[in-house]
């Protein structure tokens, strides 16, 4: 059984299928089911330690030491600017 996505407008999970659309019972938002399935395939979702979404070009602060292969260790509290997100084993 396919999972029904959360509402794209309010984020609540109280949604149900209605013909060719999904409907949110909380806010009344309707969106096509085909668009929801296509968005799931293309989206790369990366979150930080607090659950905030990260995007290309964001600045982050390290919360623990990070060992760099072939280089020195990046210390906790170091600010990294203009991150680039890629798909694979490590997103950043």
Protein backbone atom coordinates (compact mmCIF):
# COMPACT_ATOMS: atom_id res chain seq x y z
CA UNK A 1 0.00 0.00 0.00
CA UNK A 2 1.51 3.36 -1.01
CA UNK A 3 2.08 5.93 1.70
CA UNK A 4 0.11 9.15 1.54
CA UNK A 5 2.37 12.24 1.73
CA UNK A 6 1.95 15.02 4.27
CA UNK A 7 0.32 18.26 3.16
CA UNK A 8 2.71 20.43 1.15
CA UNK A 9 1.13 23.62 2.50
CA UNK A 10 0.69 23.08 6.26
CA UNK A 11 2.84 19.95 6.80
CA UNK A 12 0.15 17.96 8.64
CA UNK A 13 -0.16 14.24 7.92
CA UNK A 14 -3.97 14.13 8.06
CA UNK A 15 -4.36 13.71 4.28
CA UNK A 16 -6.40 11.37 2.12
CA UNK A 17 -6.71 10.53 -1.59
CA UNK A 18 -9.73 11.88 -3.49
CA UNK A 19 -9.77 10.63 -7.06
CA UNK A 20 -6.69 12.05 -8.81
CA UNK A 21 -5.84 14.43 -5.94
CA UNK A 22 -4.66 14.36 -2.34
CA UNK A 23 -6.65 16.46 0.14
CA UNK A 24 -5.55 17.83 3.53
CA UNK A 25 -8.35 17.49 6.08
CA UNK A 26 -6.83 20.20 8.31
CA UNK A 27 -6.34 23.13 5.89
CA UNK A 28 -8.37 21.96 2.86
CA UNK A 29 -5.42 22.18 0.45
CA UNK A 30 -5.70 19.93 -2.65
CA UNK A 31 -2.84 18.89 -4.93
CA UNK A 32 -2.49 16.37 -7.78
CA UNK A 33 -1.23 12.92 -6.81
CA UNK A 34 1.09 12.79 -9.84
CA UNK A 35 2.87 15.99 -8.73
CA UNK A 36 3.43 14.60 -5.23
CA UNK A 37 5.00 11.41 -6.61
CA UNK A 38 7.28 13.34 -9.00
CA UNK A 39 8.43 15.68 -6.23
CA UNK A 40 9.42 12.74 -4.02
CA UNK A 41 11.73 11.28 -6.68
CA UNK A 42 13.68 14.48 -7.44
CA UNK A 43 14.02 15.93 -3.95
CA UNK A 44 17.28 15.67 -2.01
CA UNK A 45 16.40 16.49 1.58
CA UNK A 46 19.28 17.25 3.95
CA UNK A 47 18.67 18.44 7.50
CA UNK A 48 21.02 19.77 10.17
CA UNK A 49 21.22 18.60 13.79
CA UNK A 50 18.22 20.78 14.72
CA UNK A 51 16.02 19.53 11.89
CA UNK A 52 16.31 22.62 9.69
CA UNK A 53 16.51 22.06 5.93
CA UNK A 54 19.89 22.78 4.34
CA UNK A 55 20.34 24.18 0.82
CA UNK A 56 23.32 24.88 -1.44
CA UNK A 57 25.16 28.02 -0.33
CA UNK A 58 24.12 27.86 3.34
CA UNK A 59 26.60 28.50 6.16
CA UNK A 60 26.89 25.92 8.96
CA UNK A 61 28.79 25.59 12.25
CA UNK A 62 30.33 22.22 13.17
CA UNK A 63 28.93 20.67 16.35
CA UNK A 64 31.79 18.19 16.79
CA UNK A 65 35.32 17.68 15.45
CA UNK A 66 35.46 16.48 11.85
CA UNK A 67 38.44 14.41 10.68
CA UNK A 68 39.51 15.30 7.15
CA UNK A 69 41.30 12.58 5.20
CA UNK A 70 44.76 13.79 4.22
CA UNK A 71 44.47 17.04 6.19
CA UNK A 72 44.09 18.55 9.61
CA UNK A 73 41.01 18.10 11.81
CA UNK A 74 38.26 20.72 11.61
CA UNK A 75 37.47 21.76 15.17
CA UNK A 76 34.04 22.09 16.80
CA UNK A 77 32.64 25.62 16.33
CA UNK A 78 34.24 26.17 12.92
CA UNK A 79 31.93 28.06 10.54
CA UNK A 80 31.71 26.58 7.04
CA UNK A 81 30.40 28.97 4.35
CA UNK A 82 28.77 28.18 1.01
CA UNK A 83 28.20 24.46 1.45
CA UNK A 84 27.43 22.33 -1.61
CA UNK A 85 25.01 19.42 -1.26
CA UNK A 86 25.58 16.32 -3.39
CA UNK A 87 23.91 12.93 -3.46
CA UNK A 88 25.89 9.95 -2.25
CA UNK A 89 27.35 8.60 0.97
CA UNK A 90 27.99 12.05 2.51
CA UNK A 91 25.66 14.80 1.33
CA UNK A 92 27.82 17.83 2.27
